Amino acid sequence: MTKERAPAGSVAGDDRVRLFCALQLAGDTLDCLTAWQARELSAGRIVPRDNLHLTLAFLGHRPASERDAVAGALREAAAAAGPLELTVRGYRETNSVGMVILDDGNEAATRLAGDVQARLGALGVYVREGRHWLPHITVVRFRKRAGLRPEPPNRCSINVVRTALYRSFLGSGGAHYEVLATAVLGGR
């Protein structure tokens, strides 16, 4: 039996929701990446335009009652953030995903990810991973590594619009993301 999805505003405090914090991409970046995906990626399940983002912290299943505190921590970190200088470095695959790897020129995105993770850790809703944060955009998913070798989308400007708190729903057709809250970088 499939449990029906309740609208975001109606989720009860004791329900569990799958959450993550991310950087949202500007429309021109999304347009460029989706055109590149259609041209260069010949295997796997292409990540839809609305799901392209840079994850700052994946929280997993959390009580819905924590949503506002998480959004507040994300807003505070975004307000303290400086301009981000992200450029495309290349394409890389793991066993289950293909991703566009980014260079973080002034390391502002890395500092923002660290700040978000520290604030969430202080709330007791996140435990930092043992590995260094890697700025990347997942662009394709696989059942097993495809061995693609596409030319990287170097003509795409990686413009970040804001941070966002997402709720993730898993399904047979892939994940669906719902934006629960956003915050502009630098408090503008």
N, C-alpha and C. Protein backbone atom coordinates (compact mmCIF):
# COMPACT_ATOMS: atom_id res chain seq x y z
N MET A 1 0.84 -1.17 0.00
CA MET A 1 0.00 0.00 0.00
C MET A 1 0.89 1.24 0.00
N THR A 2 0.62 2.19 -0.88
CA THR A 2 1.40 3.41 -0.98
C THR A 2 0.79 4.48 -0.11
N LYS A 3 1.63 5.13 0.68
CA LYS A 3 1.16 6.22 1.52
C LYS A 3 1.06 7.47 0.68
N GLU A 4 -0.07 8.16 0.74
CA GLU A 4 -0.24 9.36 -0.06
C GLU A 4 0.57 10.49 0.53
N ARG A 5 1.04 11.34 -0.34
CA ARG A 5 1.86 12.47 0.06
C ARG A 5 0.96 13.63 0.48
N ALA A 6 1.20 14.15 1.68
CA ALA A 6 0.44 15.30 2.17
C ALA A 6 1.11 16.57 1.69
N PRO A 7 0.34 17.63 1.44
CA PRO A 7 0.95 18.91 1.07
C PRO A 7 1.89 19.36 2.18
N ALA A 8 2.94 20.12 1.80
CA ALA A 8 3.97 20.53 2.75
C ALA A 8 3.38 21.21 3.98
N GLY A 9 2.39 22.05 3.80
CA GLY A 9 1.81 22.78 4.91
C GLY A 9 1.03 21.92 5.87
N SER A 10 0.70 20.69 5.49
CA SER A 10 -0.14 19.86 6.33
C SER A 10 0.61 18.72 7.02
N VAL A 11 1.94 18.70 6.89
CA VAL A 11 2.72 17.63 7.51
C VAL A 11 2.71 17.83 9.01
N ALA A 12 2.36 16.79 9.74
CA ALA A 12 2.31 16.86 11.20
C ALA A 12 3.72 16.84 11.78
N GLY A 13 3.89 17.38 12.98
CA GLY A 13 5.19 17.53 13.61
C GLY A 13 5.89 16.22 13.88
N ASP A 14 5.14 15.13 14.07
CA ASP A 14 5.78 13.85 14.36
C ASP A 14 6.02 13.02 13.10
N ASP A 15 5.53 13.47 11.94
CA ASP A 15 5.81 12.78 10.68
C ASP A 15 7.29 12.97 10.35
N ARG A 16 7.85 12.02 9.61
CA ARG A 16 9.24 12.13 9.19
C ARG A 16 9.29 12.53 7.73
N VAL A 17 10.18 13.46 7.42
CA VAL A 17 10.36 13.95 6.06
C VAL A 17 11.83 13.82 5.69
N ARG A 18 12.09 13.59 4.41
CA ARG A 18 13.46 13.44 3.91
C ARG A 18 13.93 14.82 3.45
N LEU A 19 14.95 15.37 4.12
CA LEU A 19 15.37 16.76 3.90
C LEU A 19 16.81 16.87 3.42
N PHE A 20 17.08 17.91 2.64
CA PHE A 20 18.45 18.30 2.34
C PHE A 20 18.51 19.79 2.05
N CYS A 21 19.69 20.38 2.29
CA CYS A 21 19.94 21.79 2.01
C CYS A 21 20.83 21.87 0.78
N ALA A 22 20.55 22.84 -0.09
CA ALA A 22 21.29 22.91 -1.35
C ALA A 22 21.40 24.34 -1.85
N LEU A 23 22.22 24.50 -2.87
CA LEU A 23 22.29 25.75 -3.63
C LEU A 23 21.43 25.58 -4.86
N GLN A 24 20.56 26.55 -5.11
CA GLN A 24 19.74 26.54 -6.32
C GLN A 24 20.52 27.22 -7.45
N LEU A 25 20.34 26.72 -8.64
CA LEU A 25 21.02 27.26 -9.82
C LEU A 25 20.12 28.25 -10.55
N ALA A 26 20.74 29.25 -11.16
CA ALA A 26 20.01 30.25 -11.94
C ALA A 26 19.44 29.61 -13.20
N GLY A 27 18.41 30.23 -13.75
CA GLY A 27 17.75 29.72 -14.95
C GLY A 27 18.67 29.53 -16.13
N ASP A 28 19.61 30.47 -16.36
CA ASP A 28 20.52 30.33 -17.50
C ASP A 28 21.46 29.14 -17.31
N THR A 29 21.85 28.87 -16.08
CA THR A 29 22.69 27.70 -15.80
C THR A 29 21.90 26.42 -16.05
N LEU A 30 20.66 26.39 -15.59
CA LEU A 30 19.81 25.22 -15.80
C LEU A 30 19.57 24.98 -17.29
N ASP A 31 19.32 26.04 -18.05
CA ASP A 31 19.12 25.91 -19.49
C ASP A 31 20.36 25.30 -20.16
N CYS A 32 21.53 25.79 -19.80
CA CYS A 32 22.77 25.31 -20.39
C CYS A 32 23.02 23.85 -20.02
N LEU A 33 22.82 23.50 -18.75
CA LEU A 33 23.05 22.12 -18.31
C LEU A 33 22.08 21.13 -18.95
N THR A 34 20.81 21.52 -19.07
CA THR A 34 19.85 20.58 -19.67
C THR A 34 20.13 20.38 -21.16
N ALA A 35 20.55 21.42 -21.85
CA ALA A 35 20.93 21.27 -23.26
C ALA A 35 22.14 20.35 -23.38
N TRP A 36 23.11 20.53 -22.48
CA TRP A 36 24.30 19.67 -22.46
C TRP A 36 23.92 18.22 -22.17
N GLN A 37 23.05 17.99 -21.18
CA GLN A 37 22.60 16.64 -20.86
C GLN A 37 22.01 15.95 -22.09
N ALA A 38 21.13 16.67 -22.79
CA ALA A 38 20.46 16.08 -23.97
C ALA A 38 21.46 15.75 -25.07
N ARG A 39 22.50 16.56 -25.18
CA ARG A 39 23.49 16.39 -26.25
C ARG A 39 24.54 15.34 -25.88
N GLU A 40 24.97 15.27 -24.63
CA GLU A 40 26.16 14.49 -24.25
C GLU A 40 25.89 13.20 -23.48
N LEU A 41 24.75 13.07 -22.84
CA LEU A 41 24.53 11.91 -21.97
C LEU A 41 23.63 10.90 -22.68
N SER A 42 24.20 9.74 -22.97
CA SER A 42 23.50 8.75 -23.79
C SER A 42 23.03 7.53 -23.00
N ALA A 43 23.25 7.50 -21.72
CA ALA A 43 22.86 6.34 -20.92
C ALA A 43 22.35 6.82 -19.57
N GLY A 44 21.62 5.95 -18.88
CA GLY A 44 21.14 6.28 -17.54
C GLY A 44 19.87 7.10 -17.56
N ARG A 45 19.48 7.53 -16.37
CA ARG A 45 18.28 8.36 -16.19
C ARG A 45 18.74 9.79 -15.94
N ILE A 46 18.47 10.67 -16.91
CA ILE A 46 18.87 12.07 -16.82
C ILE A 46 18.14 12.71 -15.64
N VAL A 47 18.88 13.48 -14.83
CA VAL A 47 18.27 14.22 -13.73
C VAL A 47 17.49 15.38 -14.34
N PRO A 48 16.19 15.49 -14.02
CA PRO A 48 15.38 16.57 -14.60
C PRO A 48 15.86 17.96 -14.16
N ARG A 49 15.57 18.93 -14.99
CA ARG A 49 15.96 20.33 -14.76
C ARG A 49 15.62 20.78 -13.34
N ASP A 50 14.40 20.51 -12.88
CA ASP A 50 13.96 20.97 -11.57
C ASP A 50 14.69 20.29 -10.42
N ASN A 51 15.43 19.23 -10.69
CA ASN A 51 16.16 18.52 -9.64
C ASN A 51 17.66 18.84 -9.62
N LEU A 52 18.14 19.66 -10.55
CA LEU A 52 19.55 20.02 -10.59
C LEU A 52 19.86 21.04 -9.49
N HIS A 53 20.89 20.76 -8.68
CA HIS A 53 21.26 21.60 -7.55
C HIS A 53 22.64 21.19 -7.06
N LEU A 54 23.18 21.92 -6.09
CA LEU A 54 24.43 21.54 -5.40
C LEU A 54 24.07 21.28 -3.95
N THR A 55 24.18 20.05 -3.51
CA THR A 55 23.83 19.72 -2.13
C THR A 55 24.87 20.29 -1.16
N LEU A 56 24.38 20.96 -0.13
CA LEU A 56 25.23 21.46 0.95
C LEU A 56 25.26 20.48 2.11
N ALA A 57 24.10 19.90 2.43
CA ALA A 57 24.00 18.94 3.53
C ALA A 57 22.76 18.09 3.33
N PHE A 58 22.94 16.77 3.37
CA PHE A 58 21.81 15.85 3.29
C PHE A 58 21.48 15.38 4.70
N LEU A 59 20.26 15.63 5.13
CA LEU A 59 19.86 15.29 6.49
C LEU A 59 19.18 13.94 6.60
N GLY A 60 18.63 13.44 5.51
CA GLY A 60 17.89 12.19 5.56
C GLY A 60 16.52 12.40 6.19
N HIS A 61 15.95 11.33 6.73
CA HIS A 61 14.61 11.41 7.33
C HIS A 61 14.68 12.06 8.70
N ARG A 62 13.94 13.15 8.85
CA ARG A 62 13.93 13.92 10.09
C ARG A 62 12.48 14.19 10.48
N PRO A 63 12.22 14.43 11.77
CA PRO A 63 10.87 14.82 12.18
C PRO A 63 10.47 16.14 11.50
N ALA A 64 9.26 16.21 11.01
CA ALA A 64 8.78 17.42 10.32
C ALA A 64 8.85 18.64 11.23
N SER A 65 8.78 18.42 12.52
CA SER A 65 8.83 19.54 13.48
C SER A 65 10.18 20.26 13.45
N GLU A 66 11.21 19.68 12.86
CA GLU A 66 12.53 20.31 12.79
C GLU A 66 12.67 21.23 11.57
N ARG A 67 11.70 21.19 10.69
CA ARG A 67 11.80 21.94 9.43
C ARG A 67 12.09 23.43 9.63
N ASP A 68 11.39 24.09 10.52
CA ASP A 68 11.59 25.53 10.70
C ASP A 68 12.96 25.87 11.25
N ALA A 69 13.46 25.07 12.19
CA ALA A 69 14.80 25.30 12.74
C ALA A 69 15.87 25.10 11.67
N VAL A 70 15.70 24.07 10.83
CA VAL A 70 16.65 23.83 9.74
C VAL A 70 16.61 25.00 8.76
N ALA A 71 15.42 25.45 8.39
CA ALA A 71 15.29 26.59 7.47
C ALA A 71 15.94 27.85 8.07
N GLY A 72 15.78 28.04 9.37
CA GLY A 72 16.39 29.20 10.04
C GLY A 72 17.91 29.13 9.98
N ALA A 73 18.48 27.98 10.25
CA ALA A 73 19.94 27.81 10.18
C ALA A 73 20.44 28.05 8.76
N LEU A 74 19.71 27.57 7.78
CA LEU A 74 20.09 27.77 6.38
C LEU A 74 20.03 29.26 6.02
N ARG A 75 18.99 29.95 6.46
CA ARG A 75 18.86 31.40 6.22
C ARG A 75 20.03 32.17 6.83
N GLU A 76 20.40 31.83 8.06
CA GLU A 76 21.51 32.52 8.73
C GLU A 76 22.82 32.29 7.98
N ALA A 77 23.08 31.07 7.56
CA ALA A 77 24.31 30.78 6.81
C ALA A 77 24.31 31.50 5.47
N ALA A 78 23.17 31.53 4.79
CA ALA A 78 23.08 32.22 3.50
C ALA A 78 23.32 33.72 3.66
N ALA A 79 22.78 34.31 4.71
CA ALA A 79 22.96 35.75 4.95
C ALA A 79 24.42 36.10 5.17
N ALA A 80 25.18 35.18 5.78
CA ALA A 80 26.59 35.42 6.06
C ALA A 80 27.51 35.10 4.88
N ALA A 81 26.97 34.50 3.83
CA ALA A 81 27.79 34.04 2.70
C ALA A 81 28.18 35.19 1.79
N GLY A 82 29.36 35.03 1.17
CA GLY A 82 29.82 35.98 0.17
C GLY A 82 29.53 35.46 -1.22
N PRO A 83 29.97 36.19 -2.23
CA PRO A 83 29.75 35.75 -3.61
C PRO A 83 30.46 34.42 -3.89
N LEU A 84 29.83 33.59 -4.70
CA LEU A 84 30.37 32.29 -5.06
C LEU A 84 30.97 32.35 -6.46
N GLU A 85 32.14 31.74 -6.63
CA GLU A 85 32.82 31.70 -7.93
C GLU A 85 33.01 30.24 -8.31
N LEU A 86 32.00 29.65 -8.92
CA LEU A 86 32.06 28.24 -9.31
C LEU A 86 32.25 28.12 -10.82
N THR A 87 33.15 27.23 -11.22
CA THR A 87 33.37 26.96 -12.64
C THR A 87 33.41 25.45 -12.84
N VAL A 88 33.13 25.03 -14.05
CA VAL A 88 33.13 23.60 -14.38
C VAL A 88 34.57 23.10 -14.46
N ARG A 89 34.85 22.01 -13.75
CA ARG A 89 36.15 21.34 -13.82
C ARG A 89 36.08 20.13 -14.74
N GLY A 90 34.98 19.36 -14.68
CA GLY A 90 34.89 18.17 -15.51
C GLY A 90 33.70 17.31 -15.14
N TYR A 91 33.70 16.12 -15.71
CA TYR A 91 32.63 15.15 -15.49
C TYR A 91 33.24 13.94 -14.80
N ARG A 92 32.49 13.35 -13.84
CA ARG A 92 32.96 12.17 -13.13
C ARG A 92 31.79 11.24 -12.83
N GLU A 93 32.08 9.94 -12.79
CA GLU A 93 31.05 8.96 -12.46
C GLU A 93 31.42 8.18 -11.21
N THR A 94 30.39 7.78 -10.48
CA THR A 94 30.52 6.76 -9.45
C THR A 94 29.75 5.56 -9.98
N ASN A 95 29.53 4.56 -9.16
CA ASN A 95 28.76 3.40 -9.61
C ASN A 95 27.31 3.74 -9.92
N SER A 96 26.78 4.81 -9.30
CA SER A 96 25.35 5.08 -9.46
C SER A 96 25.01 6.44 -10.05
N VAL A 97 25.96 7.36 -10.15
CA VAL A 97 25.66 8.69 -10.68
C VAL A 97 26.78 9.22 -11.55
N GLY A 98 26.40 10.15 -12.43
CA GLY A 98 27.35 10.96 -13.18
C GLY A 98 27.17 12.39 -12.71
N MET A 99 28.28 13.11 -12.55
CA MET A 99 28.19 14.46 -12.01
C MET A 99 29.15 15.41 -12.71
N VAL A 100 28.75 16.68 -12.70
CA VAL A 100 29.62 17.75 -13.16
C VAL A 100 30.34 18.25 -11.91
N ILE A 101 31.66 18.13 -11.91
CA ILE A 101 32.49 18.56 -10.78
C ILE A 101 32.83 20.04 -10.99
N LEU A 102 32.77 20.80 -9.91
CA LEU A 102 33.00 22.24 -9.99
C LEU A 102 34.24 22.65 -9.21
N ASP A 103 34.90 23.69 -9.68
CA ASP A 103 35.97 24.35 -8.92
C ASP A 103 35.32 25.48 -8.13
N ASP A 104 35.74 25.61 -6.91
CA ASP A 104 35.23 26.65 -6.00
C ASP A 104 36.34 27.69 -5.86
N GLY A 105 36.46 28.56 -6.87
CA GLY A 105 37.57 29.50 -6.98
C GLY A 105 37.98 30.21 -5.71
N ASN A 106 37.06 30.85 -5.04
CA ASN A 106 37.38 31.59 -3.82
C ASN A 106 37.02 30.80 -2.55
N GLU A 107 36.65 29.54 -2.72
CA GLU A 107 36.25 28.63 -1.64
C GLU A 107 35.06 29.13 -0.82
N ALA A 108 34.32 30.09 -1.36
CA ALA A 108 33.15 30.61 -0.65
C ALA A 108 32.06 29.56 -0.55
N ALA A 109 31.89 28.74 -1.57
CA ALA A 109 30.87 27.68 -1.50
C ALA A 109 31.25 26.63 -0.46
N THR A 110 32.54 26.32 -0.39
CA THR A 110 33.02 25.37 0.62
C THR A 110 32.80 25.92 2.02
N ARG A 111 33.09 27.21 2.21
CA ARG A 111 32.85 27.83 3.53
C ARG A 111 31.36 27.83 3.86
N LEU A 112 30.52 28.11 2.87
CA LEU A 112 29.07 28.10 3.09
C LEU A 112 28.61 26.70 3.48
N ALA A 113 29.08 25.68 2.76
CA ALA A 113 28.70 24.30 3.10
C ALA A 113 29.14 23.97 4.52
N GLY A 114 30.34 24.37 4.89
CA GLY A 114 30.83 24.13 6.25
C GLY A 114 29.99 24.85 7.29
N ASP A 115 29.60 26.08 7.00
CA ASP A 115 28.78 26.86 7.92
C ASP A 115 27.40 26.22 8.09
N VAL A 116 26.78 25.84 6.97
CA VAL A 116 25.47 25.18 7.04
C VAL A 116 25.58 23.89 7.86
N GLN A 117 26.59 23.09 7.57
CA GLN A 117 26.76 21.83 8.28
C GLN A 117 27.01 22.04 9.77
N ALA A 118 27.80 23.05 10.12
CA ALA A 118 28.07 23.33 11.53
C ALA A 118 26.81 23.79 12.25
N ARG A 119 26.04 24.66 11.61
CA ARG A 119 24.79 25.13 12.22
C ARG A 119 23.80 23.98 12.42
N LEU A 120 23.70 23.11 11.42
CA LEU A 120 22.80 21.96 11.53
C LEU A 120 23.30 20.98 12.59
N GLY A 121 24.62 20.83 12.67
CA GLY A 121 25.20 19.98 13.71
C GLY A 121 24.89 20.51 15.10
N ALA A 122 24.96 21.84 15.27
CA ALA A 122 24.65 22.45 16.56
C ALA A 122 23.19 22.23 16.95
N LEU A 123 22.32 22.11 15.94
CA LEU A 123 20.90 21.82 16.20
C LEU A 123 20.68 20.34 16.53
N GLY A 124 21.69 19.52 16.25
CA GLY A 124 21.56 18.08 16.48
C GLY A 124 20.81 17.35 15.39
N VAL A 125 20.76 17.95 14.18
CA VAL A 125 20.01 17.33 13.08
C VAL A 125 20.92 16.81 11.96
N TYR A 126 22.23 16.99 12.12
CA TYR A 126 23.17 16.62 11.06
C TYR A 126 24.48 16.17 11.67
N VAL A 127 25.06 15.14 11.10
CA VAL A 127 26.40 14.68 11.47
C VAL A 127 27.26 14.78 10.22
N ARG A 128 28.35 15.53 10.32
CA ARG A 128 29.23 15.73 9.16
C ARG A 128 29.79 14.41 8.66
N GLU A 129 29.91 14.33 7.34
CA GLU A 129 30.52 13.15 6.72
C GLU A 129 32.02 13.21 6.94
N GLY A 130 32.67 12.07 6.88
CA GLY A 130 34.11 12.01 7.08
C GLY A 130 34.92 12.55 5.92
N ARG A 131 34.29 12.70 4.76
CA ARG A 131 35.02 13.18 3.58
C ARG A 131 34.80 14.68 3.38
N HIS A 132 35.72 15.27 2.62
CA HIS A 132 35.66 16.69 2.29
C HIS A 132 34.48 16.95 1.36
N TRP A 133 33.77 18.07 1.55
CA TRP A 133 32.64 18.43 0.69
C TRP A 133 33.14 18.68 -0.73
N LEU A 134 32.45 18.10 -1.71
CA LEU A 134 32.82 18.23 -3.11
C LEU A 134 31.72 18.99 -3.85
N PRO A 135 32.02 20.19 -4.37
CA PRO A 135 30.99 20.91 -5.12
C PRO A 135 30.73 20.20 -6.45
N HIS A 136 29.49 19.74 -6.63
CA HIS A 136 29.13 19.02 -7.85
C HIS A 136 27.62 19.09 -8.08
N ILE A 137 27.25 18.80 -9.31
CA ILE A 137 25.85 18.74 -9.71
C ILE A 137 25.62 17.35 -10.29
N THR A 138 24.78 16.55 -9.66
CA THR A 138 24.45 15.23 -10.20
C THR A 138 23.56 15.45 -11.43
N VAL A 139 23.97 14.88 -12.57
CA VAL A 139 23.27 15.12 -13.84
C VAL A 139 22.64 13.87 -14.43
N VAL A 140 23.06 12.68 -13.96
CA VAL A 140 22.52 11.43 -14.49
C VAL A 140 22.67 10.35 -13.41
N ARG A 141 21.72 9.41 -13.38
CA ARG A 141 21.76 8.30 -12.42
C ARG A 141 21.78 6.98 -13.20
N PHE A 142 22.46 5.97 -12.62
CA PHE A 142 22.62 4.67 -13.28
C PHE A 142 22.24 3.55 -12.32
N ARG A 143 21.92 2.40 -12.91
CA ARG A 143 21.84 1.16 -12.14
C ARG A 143 23.25 0.62 -11.91
N LYS A 144 24.12 0.80 -12.91
CA LYS A 144 25.54 0.51 -12.76
C LYS A 144 26.30 1.49 -13.64
N ARG A 145 27.55 1.74 -13.27
CA ARG A 145 28.37 2.75 -13.96
C ARG A 145 28.29 2.57 -15.47
N ALA A 146 28.08 3.70 -16.17
CA ALA A 146 27.90 3.65 -17.63
C ALA A 146 29.20 3.83 -18.40
N GLY A 147 30.21 4.41 -17.78
CA GLY A 147 31.47 4.65 -18.48
C GLY A 147 31.38 5.74 -19.53
N LEU A 148 30.51 6.72 -19.30
CA LEU A 148 30.39 7.83 -20.24
C LEU A 148 31.63 8.72 -20.14
N ARG A 149 31.97 9.36 -21.24
CA ARG A 149 33.09 10.29 -21.27
C ARG A 149 32.70 11.54 -22.04
N PRO A 150 31.67 12.23 -21.57
CA PRO A 150 31.22 13.42 -22.30
C PRO A 150 32.19 14.59 -22.14
N GLU A 151 32.18 15.45 -23.13
CA GLU A 151 32.91 16.71 -22.99
C GLU A 151 32.21 17.50 -21.87
N PRO A 152 32.96 18.07 -20.94
CA PRO A 152 32.30 18.81 -19.86
C PRO A 152 31.60 20.05 -20.40
N PRO A 153 30.56 20.48 -19.69
CA PRO A 153 29.79 21.65 -20.15
C PRO A 153 30.49 22.96 -19.81
N ASN A 154 31.68 23.17 -20.36
CA ASN A 154 32.50 24.33 -19.97
C ASN A 154 31.91 25.67 -20.38
N ARG A 155 30.95 25.67 -21.26
CA ARG A 155 30.33 26.94 -21.66
C ARG A 155 29.22 27.36 -20.69
N CYS A 156 28.92 26.51 -19.74
CA CYS A 156 27.87 26.83 -18.77
C CYS A 156 28.45 27.66 -17.63
N SER A 157 27.86 28.82 -17.41
CA SER A 157 28.21 29.62 -16.24
C SER A 157 27.45 29.06 -15.06
N ILE A 158 28.14 28.80 -13.98
CA ILE A 158 27.49 28.23 -12.80
C ILE A 158 27.08 29.38 -11.89
N ASN A 159 25.88 29.86 -12.11
CA ASN A 159 25.33 30.95 -11.32
C ASN A 159 24.38 30.39 -10.28
N VAL A 160 24.63 30.77 -9.03
CA VAL A 160 23.82 30.30 -7.92
C VAL A 160 22.85 31.40 -7.54
N VAL A 161 21.59 31.04 -7.41
CA VAL A 161 20.55 32.01 -7.10
C VAL A 161 20.40 32.19 -5.60
N ARG A 162 20.27 31.06 -4.90
CA ARG A 162 19.99 31.11 -3.46
C ARG A 162 20.19 29.73 -2.87
N THR A 163 20.04 29.66 -1.56
CA THR A 163 20.01 28.36 -0.90
C THR A 163 18.56 27.91 -0.79
N ALA A 164 18.37 26.62 -0.62
CA ALA A 164 17.01 26.11 -0.47
C ALA A 164 17.01 24.88 0.44
N LEU A 165 15.94 24.77 1.19
CA LEU A 165 15.66 23.56 1.96
C LEU A 165 14.67 22.76 1.13
N TYR A 166 15.05 21.53 0.81
CA TYR A 166 14.23 20.66 -0.02
C TYR A 166 13.69 19.49 0.79
N ARG A 167 12.51 19.07 0.40
CA ARG A 167 11.95 17.80 0.85
C ARG A 167 12.03 16.86 -0.34
N SER A 168 12.51 15.65 -0.12
CA SER A 168 12.70 14.69 -1.19
C SER A 168 11.70 13.55 -1.03
N PHE A 169 11.05 13.20 -2.14
CA PHE A 169 10.14 12.06 -2.20
C PHE A 169 10.75 11.05 -3.15
N LEU A 170 10.90 9.83 -2.71
CA LEU A 170 11.44 8.78 -3.56
C LEU A 170 10.31 8.01 -4.21
N GLY A 171 10.49 7.66 -5.47
CA GLY A 171 9.47 6.90 -6.19
C GLY A 171 10.10 6.07 -7.29
N SER A 172 9.29 5.25 -7.94
CA SER A 172 9.80 4.36 -8.98
C SER A 172 10.37 5.14 -10.17
N GLY A 173 9.89 6.35 -10.41
CA GLY A 173 10.39 7.15 -11.53
C GLY A 173 11.54 8.06 -11.12
N GLY A 174 12.07 7.88 -9.91
CA GLY A 174 13.15 8.74 -9.42
C GLY A 174 12.64 9.67 -8.33
N ALA A 175 13.51 10.51 -7.86
CA ALA A 175 13.18 11.43 -6.77
C ALA A 175 12.41 12.63 -7.31
N HIS A 176 11.56 13.15 -6.45
CA HIS A 176 10.86 14.40 -6.71
C HIS A 176 11.19 15.32 -5.54
N TYR A 177 11.53 16.58 -5.83
CA TYR A 177 11.92 17.52 -4.78
C TYR A 177 10.90 18.64 -4.65
N GLU A 178 10.65 19.01 -3.43
CA GLU A 178 9.74 20.12 -3.12
C GLU A 178 10.55 21.15 -2.31
N VAL A 179 10.54 22.41 -2.76
CA VAL A 179 11.23 23.48 -2.05
C VAL A 179 10.35 23.91 -0.86
N LEU A 180 10.93 23.83 0.34
CA LEU A 180 10.20 24.23 1.55
C LEU A 180 10.54 25.64 1.98
N ALA A 181 11.76 26.09 1.71
CA ALA A 181 12.19 27.44 2.10
C ALA A 181 13.41 27.83 1.25
N THR A 182 13.57 29.12 1.01
CA THR A 182 14.75 29.61 0.29
C THR A 182 15.33 30.81 1.04
N ALA A 183 16.59 31.09 0.75
CA ALA A 183 17.25 32.26 1.32
C ALA A 183 18.29 32.76 0.33
N VAL A 184 18.30 34.07 0.13
CA VAL A 184 19.23 34.69 -0.82
C VAL A 184 20.61 34.78 -0.18
N LEU A 185 21.64 34.55 -0.97
CA LEU A 185 23.01 34.65 -0.48
C LEU A 185 23.37 36.10 -0.15
N GLY A 186 24.09 36.29 0.94
CA GLY A 186 24.53 37.63 1.33
C GLY A 186 23.45 38.47 1.95
N GLY A 187 22.28 37.88 2.21
CA GLY A 187 21.20 38.60 2.87
C GLY A 187 20.55 39.68 2.03
N ARG A 188 20.80 39.65 0.71
CA ARG A 188 20.17 40.66 -0.16
C ARG A 188 18.71 40.36 -0.34
